[in-house]
Amino acid sequence: MIYLKLSRWPNVLMTALTQLVIIYGYLPQTGADLALELWQVALLMISTALLTASGNVINDIYDVQTDILNKPDKVLVGKKITEKKAFNFYIILTILAVVAGFILANSVGLASLAAVFIIVSFLLYFYATYLKKVLLLGNLLISVLVGFVVVITAVFELVPSITEFNRAEQLAVFQHLLIFALFAVVVNLLRESIKDCQDIKGDHATGRNSLAILLGRDRALKVLAVYTIILLLIMGYFLTTVLYVDRISVYYTVFLIMAPLMYLGIRLWSSVSTKELAILSLVCKLVLLTGIIGIAIIKF
């Protein structure tokens, strides 16, 4: 159970759910030519899940001092597991992820894609050890990697099957998924920034920089409220110009994505307690979840 907690298994499950929705919920509706057989899908999901878990582990290892101040009751490394055991667990997860990715890339005839798994593992380590301390860049990187789960799934399923006859159709499906990847990036960036406001005490004490530290928590929350409103306006434009033709897509987007975001924008404009920020962070995660499920539901 300690190792499961250390890997933050709910986040790993969310990654797996994203890929399942794309592969078995969305892509079969498109008529696109798909590249992966069942065992290759399993390899893709295993590699992505292990990379996600390894990133969470190395993050916890380097977050001990900050977490002791922000959430002492949730600290695992140094209390319930030694740093050495945690680091060994991280190494094992990373190696298995890269090996699975290497086998997968070679099996679809795109050996160069194996480098993607090595690069992502390096970026996760770089984020935990250094970039997390840099204003906005750390949050941006981790958010891009969240969106990258959608992109890497699309790449492995669609790119190996592209021919001169189906290129336009394959690229149209890929572009559709890119929109959802971008959605994941911008919503996760909001969530990471809310968490920074929540963790301002520990971040300040350990020399990290964040929007909350730069502007002060109340001003940062107002900036995030404006960010949320701009996101809502963009989604509203998208709704009225692209999604309006499908009633289910409209209802799903308005009630399960835009309404929670509107609530977030309103609450962020007010001065909220640290406890309320934890709830708002959870709302962001739920919006991400409904966005993931929406890949199979929302029609353009």
C-alpha atoms as a PDB file:
ATOM      1  CA  MET A   1       0.000   0.000   0.000  1.00  0.00           C
ATOM      2  CA  ILE A   2       2.883   2.379   0.686  1.00  0.00           C
ATOM      3  CA  TYR A   3       4.203   1.901  -2.844  1.00  0.00           C
ATOM      4  CA  LEU A   4       0.719   2.447  -4.282  1.00  0.00           C
ATOM      5  CA  LYS A   5       0.312   5.649  -2.298  1.00  0.00           C
ATOM      6  CA  LEU A   6       3.790   6.800  -3.311  1.00  0.00           C
ATOM      7  CA  SER A   7       2.933   6.327  -6.988  1.00  0.00           C
ATOM      8  CA  ARG A   8      -0.345   8.269  -6.466  1.00  0.00           C
ATOM      9  CA  TRP A   9      -2.439   5.523  -8.012  1.00  0.00           C
ATOM     10  CA  PRO A  10      -5.540   7.717  -8.682  1.00  0.00           C
ATOM     11  CA  ASN A  11      -3.450   9.855 -11.063  1.00  0.00           C
ATOM     12  CA  VAL A  12      -2.106   6.714 -12.719  1.00  0.00           C
ATOM     13  CA  LEU A  13      -5.656   5.399 -13.159  1.00  0.00           C
ATOM     14  CA  MET A  14      -6.684   8.709 -14.728  1.00  0.00           C
ATOM     15  CA  THR A  15      -3.881   8.350 -17.254  1.00  0.00           C
ATOM     16  CA  ALA A  16      -5.021   4.814 -18.091  1.00  0.00           C
ATOM     17  CA  LEU A  17      -8.647   5.984 -18.367  1.00  0.00           C
ATOM     18  CA  THR A  18      -7.610   8.695 -20.845  1.00  0.00           C
ATOM     19  CA  GLN A  19      -6.016   6.122 -23.121  1.00  0.00           C
ATOM     20  CA  LEU A  20      -8.914   3.668 -22.798  1.00  0.00           C
ATOM     21  CA  VAL A  21     -11.449   6.362 -23.733  1.00  0.00           C
ATOM     22  CA  ILE A  22      -9.393   7.379 -26.774  1.00  0.00           C
ATOM     23  CA  ILE A  23      -8.647   3.853 -28.007  1.00  0.00           C
ATOM     24  CA  TYR A  24     -11.972   2.152 -27.274  1.00  0.00           C
ATOM     25  CA  GLY A  25     -14.405   5.067 -26.938  1.00  0.00           C
ATOM     26  CA  TYR A  26     -13.417   7.655 -29.534  1.00  0.00           C
ATOM     27  CA  LEU A  27     -11.258   6.134 -32.275  1.00  0.00           C
ATOM     28  CA  PRO A  28     -13.709   3.328 -33.263  1.00  0.00           C
ATOM     29  CA  GLN A  29     -16.315   6.041 -34.038  1.00  0.00           C
ATOM     30  CA  THR A  30     -14.017   7.781 -36.513  1.00  0.00           C
ATOM     31  CA  GLY A  31     -13.371   4.951 -38.964  1.00  0.00           C
ATOM     32  CA  ALA A  32      -9.655   5.756 -38.769  1.00  0.00           C
ATOM     33  CA  ASP A  33      -7.123   3.042 -39.573  1.00  0.00           C
ATOM     34  CA  LEU A  34      -5.606   1.971 -36.252  1.00  0.00           C
ATOM     35  CA  ALA A  35      -2.145   0.506 -35.782  1.00  0.00           C
ATOM     36  CA  LEU A  36      -2.110  -1.219 -32.400  1.00  0.00           C
ATOM     37  CA  GLU A  37      -3.130  -4.739 -31.531  1.00  0.00           C
ATOM     38  CA  LEU A  38      -4.338  -5.595 -28.032  1.00  0.00           C
ATOM     39  CA  TRP A  39      -0.885  -6.524 -26.688  1.00  0.00           C
ATOM     40  CA  GLN A  40       0.556  -3.280 -28.085  1.00  0.00           C
ATOM     41  CA  VAL A  41      -2.228  -1.252 -26.456  1.00  0.00           C
ATOM     42  CA  ALA A  42      -1.301  -2.974 -23.198  1.00  0.00           C
ATOM     43  CA  LEU A  43       2.367  -2.014 -23.679  1.00  0.00           C
ATOM     44  CA  LEU A  44       1.437   1.607 -24.397  1.00  0.00           C
ATOM     45  CA  MET A  45      -0.747   1.822 -21.295  1.00  0.00           C
ATOM     46  CA  ILE A  46       1.824   0.090 -19.093  1.00  0.00           C
ATOM     47  CA  SER A  47       4.634   2.374 -20.257  1.00  0.00           C
ATOM     48  CA  THR A  48       2.550   5.536 -19.799  1.00  0.00           C
ATOM     49  CA  ALA A  49       1.266   4.417 -16.390  1.00  0.00           C
ATOM     50  CA  LEU A  50       4.754   3.537 -15.166  1.00  0.00           C
ATOM     51  CA  LEU A  51       6.139   6.893 -16.349  1.00  0.00           C
ATOM     52  CA  THR A  52       3.319   8.693 -14.538  1.00  0.00           C
ATOM     53  CA  ALA A  53       4.006   6.711 -11.374  1.00  0.00           C
ATOM     54  CA  SER A  54       7.765   7.302 -11.589  1.00  0.00           C
ATOM     55  CA  GLY A  55       7.209  11.054 -11.961  1.00  0.00           C
ATOM     56  CA  ASN A  56       5.024  11.047  -8.858  1.00  0.00           C
ATOM     57  CA  VAL A  57       7.621   9.098  -6.862  1.00  0.00           C
ATOM     58  CA  ILE A  58      10.593  11.312  -7.750  1.00  0.00           C
ATOM     59  CA  ASN A  59       8.428  14.356  -7.078  1.00  0.00           C
ATOM     60  CA  ASP A  60       7.627  13.106  -3.575  1.00  0.00           C
ATOM     61  CA  ILE A  61      11.300  12.349  -2.885  1.00  0.00           C
ATOM     62  CA  TYR A  62      12.337  15.926  -3.650  1.00  0.00           C
ATOM     63  CA  ASP A  63       9.226  17.438  -2.054  1.00  0.00           C
ATOM     64  CA  VAL A  64       9.765  16.143   1.483  1.00  0.00           C
ATOM     65  CA  GLN A  65      10.808  19.461   3.076  1.00  0.00           C
ATOM     66  CA  THR A  66       7.970  21.353   1.393  1.00  0.00           C
ATOM     67  CA  ASP A  67       5.377  18.691   2.202  1.00  0.00           C
ATOM     68  CA  ILE A  68       6.398  18.626   5.874  1.00  0.00           C
ATOM     69  CA  LEU A  69       5.240  22.256   6.058  1.00  0.00           C
ATOM     70  CA  ASN A  70       2.242  22.035   3.716  1.00  0.00           C
ATOM     71  CA  LYS A  71       0.775  18.592   4.464  1.00  0.00           C
ATOM     72  CA  PRO A  72       2.789  16.813   7.202  1.00  0.00           C
ATOM     73  CA  ASP A  73       0.192  14.064   7.615  1.00  0.00           C
ATOM     74  CA  LYS A  74       0.638  12.976   3.973  1.00  0.00           C
ATOM     75  CA  VAL A  75       4.438  12.709   3.916  1.00  0.00           C
ATOM     76  CA  LEU A  76       5.570   9.164   3.057  1.00  0.00           C
ATOM     77  CA  VAL A  77       9.283   9.425   2.205  1.00  0.00           C
ATOM     78  CA  GLY A  78      11.367   9.421   5.378  1.00  0.00           C
ATOM     79  CA  LYS A  79       8.405   8.411   7.538  1.00  0.00           C
ATOM     80  CA  LYS A  80       6.818   5.263   6.112  1.00  0.00           C
ATOM     81  CA  ILE A  81       9.466   4.429   3.532  1.00  0.00           C
ATOM     82  CA  THR A  82      13.152   5.310   3.366  1.00  0.00           C
ATOM     83  CA  GLU A  83      14.436   7.665   0.697  1.00  0.00           C
ATOM     84  CA  LYS A  84      16.706   4.903  -0.648  1.00  0.00           C
ATOM     85  CA  LYS A  85      13.794   2.478  -1.111  1.00  0.00           C
ATOM     86  CA  ALA A  86      11.688   5.197  -2.712  1.00  0.00           C
ATOM     87  CA  PHE A  87      14.496   6.091  -5.132  1.00  0.00           C
ATOM     88  CA  ASN A  88      15.039   2.427  -6.033  1.00  0.00           C
ATOM     89  CA  PHE A  89      11.308   2.155  -6.716  1.00  0.00           C
ATOM     90  CA  TYR A  90      11.568   5.204  -8.995  1.00  0.00           C
ATOM     91  CA  ILE A  91      14.502   3.655 -10.905  1.00  0.00           C
ATOM     92  CA  ILE A  92      12.622   0.370 -11.408  1.00  0.00           C
ATOM     93  CA  LEU A  93       9.492   2.149 -12.646  1.00  0.00           C
ATOM     94  CA  THR A  94      11.494   4.302 -15.064  1.00  0.00           C
ATOM     95  CA  ILE A  95      13.476   1.397 -16.516  1.00  0.00           C
ATOM     96  CA  LEU A  96      10.356  -0.729 -17.014  1.00  0.00           C
ATOM     97  CA  ALA A  97       8.547   2.190 -18.661  1.00  0.00           C
ATOM     98  CA  VAL A  98      11.399   2.873 -21.093  1.00  0.00           C
ATOM     99  CA  VAL A  99      11.794  -0.842 -21.935  1.00  0.00           C
ATOM    100  CA  ALA A 100       8.053  -1.211 -22.599  1.00  0.00           C
ATOM    101  CA  GLY A 101       8.143   1.923 -24.761  1.00  0.00           C
ATOM    102  CA  PHE A 102      11.168   0.649 -26.680  1.00  0.00           C
ATOM    103  CA  ILE A 103       9.453  -2.668 -27.444  1.00  0.00           C
ATOM    104  CA  LEU A 104       6.276  -0.864 -28.513  1.00  0.00           C
ATOM    105  CA  ALA A 105       8.059   1.614 -30.793  1.00  0.00           C
ATOM    106  CA  ASN A 106       9.973  -1.155 -32.534  1.00  0.00           C
ATOM    107  CA  SER A 107       6.844  -3.296 -32.921  1.00  0.00           C
ATOM    108  CA  VAL A 108       5.107  -0.571 -34.986  1.00  0.00           C
ATOM    109  CA  GLY A 109       8.191   0.118 -37.104  1.00  0.00           C
ATOM    110  CA  LEU A 110       8.909   3.523 -35.563  1.00  0.00           C
ATOM    111  CA  ALA A 111      11.994   2.838 -33.449  1.00  0.00           C
ATOM    112  CA  SER A 112      12.765   6.558 -33.116  1.00  0.00           C
ATOM    113  CA  LEU A 113       9.614   6.972 -30.984  1.00  0.00           C
ATOM    114  CA  ALA A 114      11.369   5.029 -28.216  1.00  0.00           C
ATOM    115  CA  ALA A 115      13.287   8.247 -27.541  1.00  0.00           C
ATOM    116  CA  VAL A 116      10.006   9.871 -26.464  1.00  0.00           C
ATOM    117  CA  PHE A 117       9.844   7.719 -23.337  1.00  0.00           C
ATOM    118  CA  ILE A 118      13.445   8.543 -22.419  1.00  0.00           C
ATOM    119  CA  ILE A 119      12.838  12.275 -22.952  1.00  0.00           C
ATOM    120  CA  VAL A 120       9.655  12.244 -20.856  1.00  0.00           C
ATOM    121  CA  SER A 121      11.405  10.404 -18.006  1.00  0.00           C
ATOM    122  CA  PHE A 122      14.201  12.996 -18.095  1.00  0.00           C
ATOM    123  CA  LEU A 123      11.707  15.882 -18.093  1.00  0.00           C
ATOM    124  CA  LEU A 124       9.894  14.419 -15.085  1.00  0.00           C
ATOM    125  CA  TYR A 125      13.198  14.171 -13.204  1.00  0.00           C
ATOM    126  CA  PHE A 126      14.201  17.683 -14.302  1.00  0.00           C
ATOM    127  CA  TYR A 127      10.832  19.010 -13.131  1.00  0.00           C
ATOM    128  CA  ALA A 128      11.124  17.412  -9.684  1.00  0.00           C
ATOM    129  CA  THR A 129      14.742  18.418  -9.099  1.00  0.00           C
ATOM    130  CA  TYR A 130      14.876  21.917 -10.574  1.00  0.00           C
ATOM    131  CA  LEU A 131      12.131  23.255 -12.830  1.00  0.00           C
ATOM    132  CA  LYS A 132       9.443  23.068 -10.150  1.00  0.00           C
ATOM    133  CA  LYS A 133      11.184  25.978  -8.434  1.00  0.00           C
ATOM    134  CA  VAL A 134      10.997  28.197 -11.531  1.00  0.00           C
ATOM    135  CA  LEU A 135       8.059  30.585 -11.861  1.00  0.00           C
ATOM    136  CA  LEU A 136       5.341  29.142 -14.161  1.00  0.00           C
ATOM    137  CA  LEU A 137       7.742  26.956 -16.179  1.00  0.00           C
ATOM    138  CA  GLY A 138       7.375  23.964 -13.868  1.00  0.00           C
ATOM    139  CA  ASN A 139       3.576  24.165 -13.917  1.00  0.00           C
ATOM    140  CA  LEU A 140       3.601  24.588 -17.689  1.00  0.00           C
ATOM    141  CA  LEU A 141       5.845  21.566 -18.219  1.00  0.00           C
ATOM    142  CA  ILE A 142       3.801  19.218 -16.055  1.00  0.00           C
ATOM    143  CA  SER A 143       0.591  20.440 -17.735  1.00  0.00           C
ATOM    144  CA  VAL A 144       2.049  19.846 -21.202  1.00  0.00           C
ATOM    145  CA  LEU A 145       2.995  16.319 -20.108  1.00  0.00           C
ATOM    146  CA  VAL A 146      -0.615  15.744 -18.980  1.00  0.00           C
ATOM    147  CA  GLY A 147      -1.814  16.745 -22.451  1.00  0.00           C
ATOM    148  CA  PHE A 148       0.938  14.631 -23.970  1.00  0.00           C
ATOM    149  CA  VAL A 149      -0.858  11.471 -22.766  1.00  0.00           C
ATOM    150  CA  VAL A 150      -3.510  12.220 -25.400  1.00  0.00           C
ATOM    151  CA  VAL A 151      -0.928  13.039 -28.068  1.00  0.00           C
ATOM    152  CA  ILE A 152       1.248   9.943 -27.582  1.00  0.00           C
ATOM    153  CA  THR A 153      -1.830   7.707 -27.747  1.00  0.00           C
ATOM    154  CA  ALA A 154      -2.891   9.343 -31.006  1.00  0.00           C
ATOM    155  CA  VAL A 155       0.627   9.074 -32.443  1.00  0.00           C
ATOM    156  CA  PHE A 156       0.956   5.336 -31.804  1.00  0.00           C
ATOM    157  CA  GLU A 157      -2.549   4.522 -33.009  1.00  0.00           C
ATOM    158  CA  LEU A 158      -2.692   6.750 -36.095  1.00  0.00           C
ATOM    159  CA  VAL A 159       0.770   7.550 -37.474  1.00  0.00           C
ATOM    160  CA  PRO A 160       1.940   3.987 -38.338  1.00  0.00           C
ATOM    161  CA  SER A 161      -1.259   3.447 -40.374  1.00  0.00           C
ATOM    162  CA  ILE A 162      -1.017   6.622 -42.480  1.00  0.00           C
ATOM    163  CA  THR A 163      -0.916   6.048 -46.242  1.00  0.00           C
ATOM    164  CA  GLU A 164      -1.230   8.411 -49.190  1.00  0.00           C
ATOM    165  CA  PHE A 165      -4.912   7.434 -49.437  1.00  0.00           C
ATOM    166  CA  ASN A 166      -6.001   8.010 -45.818  1.00  0.00           C
ATOM    167  CA  ARG A 167      -3.653  10.824 -44.803  1.00  0.00           C
ATOM    168  CA  ALA A 168      -6.355  13.526 -44.657  1.00  0.00           C
ATOM    169  CA  GLU A 169      -8.718  11.408 -42.552  1.00  0.00           C
ATOM    170  CA  GLN A 170      -5.991  10.309 -40.140  1.00  0.00           C
ATOM    171  CA  LEU A 171      -4.770  13.880 -39.658  1.00  0.00           C
ATOM    172  CA  ALA A 172      -8.342  15.128 -39.064  1.00  0.00           C
ATOM    173  CA  VAL A 173      -8.749  12.618 -36.231  1.00  0.00           C
ATOM    174  CA  PHE A 174      -5.333  13.603 -34.862  1.00  0.00           C
ATOM    175  CA  GLN A 175      -6.291  17.298 -34.901  1.00  0.00           C
ATOM    176  CA  HIS A 176      -9.513  16.499 -33.037  1.00  0.00           C
ATOM    177  CA  LEU A 177      -7.497  14.831 -30.276  1.00  0.00           C
ATOM    178  CA  LEU A 178      -5.060  17.759 -30.191  1.00  0.00           C
ATOM    179  CA  ILE A 179      -7.956  20.013 -29.127  1.00  0.00           C
ATOM    180  CA  PHE A 180      -8.619  17.752 -26.138  1.00  0.00           C
ATOM    181  CA  ALA A 181      -4.897  17.667 -25.352  1.00  0.00           C
ATOM    182  CA  LEU A 182      -4.847  21.478 -25.316  1.00  0.00           C
ATOM    183  CA  PHE A 183      -7.894  21.461 -23.020  1.00  0.00           C
ATOM    184  CA  ALA A 184      -6.034  19.150 -20.621  1.00  0.00           C
ATOM    185  CA  VAL A 185      -3.022  21.490 -20.646  1.00  0.00           C
ATOM    186  CA  VAL A 186      -4.942  24.686 -19.829  1.00  0.00           C
ATOM    187  CA  VAL A 187      -7.143  23.094 -17.132  1.00  0.00           C
ATOM    188  CA  ASN A 188      -4.218  21.323 -15.462  1.00  0.00           C
ATOM    189  CA  LEU A 189      -2.235  24.587 -15.530  1.00  0.00           C
ATOM    190  CA  LEU A 190      -5.107  26.165 -13.593  1.00  0.00           C
ATOM    191  CA  ARG A 191      -5.104  23.285 -11.115  1.00  0.00           C
ATOM    192  CA  GLU A 192      -1.332  23.473 -10.561  1.00  0.00           C
ATOM    193  CA  SER A 193      -1.593  27.218  -9.935  1.00  0.00           C
ATOM    194  CA  ILE A 194      -4.401  26.700  -7.413  1.00  0.00           C
ATOM    195  CA  LYS A 195      -2.228  24.120  -5.630  1.00  0.00           C
ATOM    196  CA  ASP A 196       0.589  26.702  -5.526  1.00  0.00           C
ATOM    197  CA  CYS A 197      -1.756  29.092  -3.699  1.00  0.00           C
ATOM    198  CA  GLN A 198      -2.630  26.272  -1.335  1.00  0.00           C
ATOM    199  CA  ASP A 199       1.046  25.391  -0.691  1.00  0.00           C
ATOM    200  CA  ILE A 200       2.440  28.919  -0.479  1.00  0.00           C
ATOM    201  CA  LYS A 201       3.818  28.451   3.061  1.00  0.00           C
ATOM    202  CA  GLY A 202       6.055  25.475   2.253  1.00  0.00           C
ATOM    203  CA  ASP A 203       7.033  26.801  -1.189  1.00  0.00           C
ATOM    204  CA  HIS A 204       8.183  30.124   0.271  1.00  0.00           C
ATOM    205  CA  ALA A 205      10.167  28.442   3.049  1.00  0.00           C
ATOM    206  CA  THR A 206      12.014  26.141   0.618  1.00  0.00           C
ATOM    207  CA  GLY A 207      12.951  28.850  -1.886  1.00  0.00           C
ATOM    208  CA  ARG A 208      10.449  28.085  -4.627  1.00  0.00           C
ATOM    209  CA  ASN A 209       8.831  30.693  -6.806  1.00  0.00           C
ATOM    210  CA  SER A 210       5.213  30.751  -7.904  1.00  0.00           C
ATOM    211  CA  LEU A 211       2.527  33.176  -8.944  1.00  0.00           C
ATOM    212  CA  ALA A 212       1.203  33.145  -5.373  1.00  0.00           C
ATOM    213  CA  ILE A 213       4.624  34.066  -3.957  1.00  0.00           C
ATOM    214  CA  LEU A 214       5.272  36.699  -6.635  1.00  0.00           C
ATOM    215  CA  LEU A 215       1.908  38.491  -6.373  1.00  0.00           C
ATOM    216  CA  GLY A 216       0.622  37.370  -2.994  1.00  0.00           C
ATOM    217  CA  ARG A 217      -2.088  34.742  -2.632  1.00  0.00           C
ATOM    218  CA  ASP A 218      -5.131  37.021  -2.994  1.00  0.00           C
ATOM    219  CA  ARG A 219      -3.831  38.755  -6.139  1.00  0.00           C
ATOM    220  CA  ALA A 220      -2.783  35.400  -7.618  1.00  0.00           C
ATOM    221  CA  LEU A 221      -6.276  34.008  -7.048  1.00  0.00           C
ATOM    222  CA  LYS A 222      -7.780  36.985  -8.894  1.00  0.00           C
ATOM    223  CA  VAL A 223      -5.394  36.409 -11.813  1.00  0.00           C
ATOM    224  CA  LEU A 224      -6.517  32.772 -11.887  1.00  0.00           C
ATOM    225  CA  ALA A 225     -10.151  33.906 -11.813  1.00  0.00           C
ATOM    226  CA  VAL A 226      -9.529  36.067 -14.903  1.00  0.00           C
ATOM    227  CA  TYR A 227      -7.687  33.131 -16.537  1.00  0.00           C
ATOM    228  CA  THR A 228     -10.742  30.935 -15.895  1.00  0.00           C
ATOM    229  CA  ILE A 229     -13.124  33.533 -17.351  1.00  0.00           C
ATOM    230  CA  ILE A 230     -10.985  33.834 -20.505  1.00  0.00           C
ATOM    231  CA  LEU A 231     -11.018  30.034 -20.804  1.00  0.00           C
ATOM    232  CA  LEU A 232     -14.818  30.079 -20.466  1.00  0.00           C
ATOM    233  CA  LEU A 233     -15.150  32.750 -23.164  1.00  0.00           C
ATOM    234  CA  ILE A 234     -13.024  30.700 -25.564  1.00  0.00           C
ATOM    235  CA  MET A 235     -15.083  27.597 -24.817  1.00  0.00           C
ATOM    236  CA  GLY A 236     -18.303  29.593 -25.295  1.00  0.00           C
ATOM    237  CA  TYR A 237     -17.110  30.751 -28.723  1.00  0.00           C
ATOM    238  CA  PHE A 238     -16.161  27.191 -29.589  1.00  0.00           C
ATOM    239  CA  LEU A 239     -19.568  25.991 -28.411  1.00  0.00           C
ATOM    240  CA  THR A 240     -21.508  28.439 -30.574  1.00  0.00           C
ATOM    241  CA  THR A 241     -19.407  27.975 -33.718  1.00  0.00           C
ATOM    242  CA  VAL A 242     -18.479  24.285 -33.713  1.00  0.00           C
ATOM    243  CA  LEU A 243     -20.429  22.204 -31.176  1.00  0.00           C
ATOM    244  CA  TYR A 244     -23.880  23.772 -31.541  1.00  0.00           C
ATOM    245  CA  VAL A 245     -24.990  21.227 -34.163  1.00  0.00           C
ATOM    246  CA  ASP A 246     -24.933  18.323 -31.677  1.00  0.00           C
ATOM    247  CA  ARG A 247     -27.303  18.706 -28.729  1.00  0.00           C
ATOM    248  CA  ILE A 248     -25.616  16.089 -26.527  1.00  0.00           C
ATOM    249  CA  SER A 249     -22.233  17.765 -27.029  1.00  0.00           C
ATOM    250  CA  VAL A 250     -23.728  21.135 -26.068  1.00  0.00           C
ATOM    251  CA  TYR A 251     -25.395  19.844 -22.892  1.00  0.00           C
ATOM    252  CA  TYR A 252     -22.328  17.851 -21.875  1.00  0.00           C
ATOM    253  CA  THR A 253     -19.981  20.809 -22.394  1.00  0.00           C
ATOM    254  CA  VAL A 254     -22.228  23.379 -20.674  1.00  0.00           C
ATOM    255  CA  PHE A 255     -23.232  21.375 -17.605  1.00  0.00           C
ATOM    256  CA  LEU A 256     -20.234  19.131 -16.967  1.00  0.00           C
ATOM    257  CA  ILE A 257     -17.334  21.322 -18.096  1.00  0.00           C
ATOM    258  CA  MET A 258     -18.289  24.991 -18.330  1.00  0.00           C
ATOM    259  CA  ALA A 259     -20.546  25.130 -15.243  1.00  0.00           C
ATOM    260  CA  PRO A 260     -17.840  23.797 -12.865  1.00  0.00           C
ATOM    261  CA  LEU A 261     -15.332  26.195 -14.447  1.00  0.00           C
ATOM    262  CA  MET A 262     -17.750  29.076 -13.898  1.00  0.00           C
ATOM    263  CA  TYR A 263     -18.037  28.074 -10.242  1.00  0.00           C
ATOM    264  CA  LEU A 264     -14.229  28.028 -10.045  1.00  0.00           C
ATOM    265  CA  GLY A 265     -13.948  31.500 -11.550  1.00  0.00           C
ATOM    266  CA  ILE A 266     -16.467  32.936  -9.085  1.00  0.00           C
ATOM    267  CA  ARG A 267     -14.884  31.321  -6.026  1.00  0.00           C
ATOM    268  CA  LEU A 268     -11.331  32.218  -7.068  1.00  0.00           C
ATOM    269  CA  TRP A 269     -12.256  35.904  -7.213  1.00  0.00           C
ATOM    270  CA  SER A 270     -13.109  35.752  -3.514  1.00  0.00           C
ATOM    271  CA  SER A 271     -10.586  35.304  -0.742  1.00  0.00           C
ATOM    272  CA  VAL A 272     -10.848  31.614   0.072  1.00  0.00           C
ATOM    273  CA  SER A 273      -9.273  29.521   2.809  1.00  0.00           C
ATOM    274  CA  THR A 274      -6.621  26.861   2.255  1.00  0.00           C
ATOM    275  CA  LYS A 275      -9.288  24.229   2.886  1.00  0.00           C
ATOM    276  CA  GLU A 276     -11.509  25.718   0.170  1.00  0.00           C
ATOM    277  CA  LEU A 277      -8.548  25.779  -2.231  1.00  0.00           C
ATOM    278  CA  ALA A 278      -8.230  22.016  -1.793  1.00  0.00           C
ATOM    279  CA  ILE A 279     -11.882  21.706  -2.870  1.00  0.00           C
ATOM    280  CA  LEU A 280     -11.313  23.971  -5.893  1.00  0.00           C
ATOM    281  CA  SER A 281      -8.304  21.864  -6.884  1.00  0.00           C
ATOM    282  CA  LEU A 282     -10.558  18.801  -6.714  1.00  0.00           C
ATOM    283  CA  VAL A 283     -13.148  20.571  -8.904  1.00  0.00           C
ATOM    284  CA  CYS A 284     -10.380  21.150 -11.472  1.00  0.00           C
ATOM    285  CA  LYS A 285      -9.562  17.451 -11.386  1.00  0.00           C
ATOM    286  CA  LEU A 286     -13.219  16.577 -11.925  1.00  0.00           C
ATOM    287  CA  VAL A 287     -13.320  18.944 -14.924  1.00  0.00           C
ATOM    288  CA  LEU A 288     -10.308  17.101 -16.310  1.00  0.00           C
ATOM    289  CA  LEU A 289     -12.141  13.813 -15.756  1.00  0.00           C
ATOM    290  CA  THR A 290     -15.295  14.985 -17.544  1.00  0.00           C
ATOM    291  CA  GLY A 291     -13.093  16.346 -20.346  1.00  0.00           C
ATOM    292  CA  ILE A 292     -11.452  12.921 -20.688  1.00  0.00           C
ATOM    293  CA  ILE A 293     -14.814  11.127 -20.851  1.00  0.00           C
ATOM    294  CA  GLY A 294     -15.994  13.849 -23.245  1.00  0.00           C
ATOM    295  CA  ILE A 295     -13.448  12.700 -25.831  1.00  0.00           C
ATOM    296  CA  ALA A 296     -15.840   9.839 -26.615  1.00  0.00           C
ATOM    297  CA  ILE A 297     -18.997  11.982 -26.354  1.00  0.00           C
ATOM    298  CA  ILE A 298     -18.366  15.483 -27.714  1.00  0.00           C
ATOM    299  CA  LYS A 299     -18.797  15.735 -31.487  1.00  0.00           C
ATOM    300  CA  PHE A 300     -17.313  18.556 -33.564  1.00  0.00           C
END
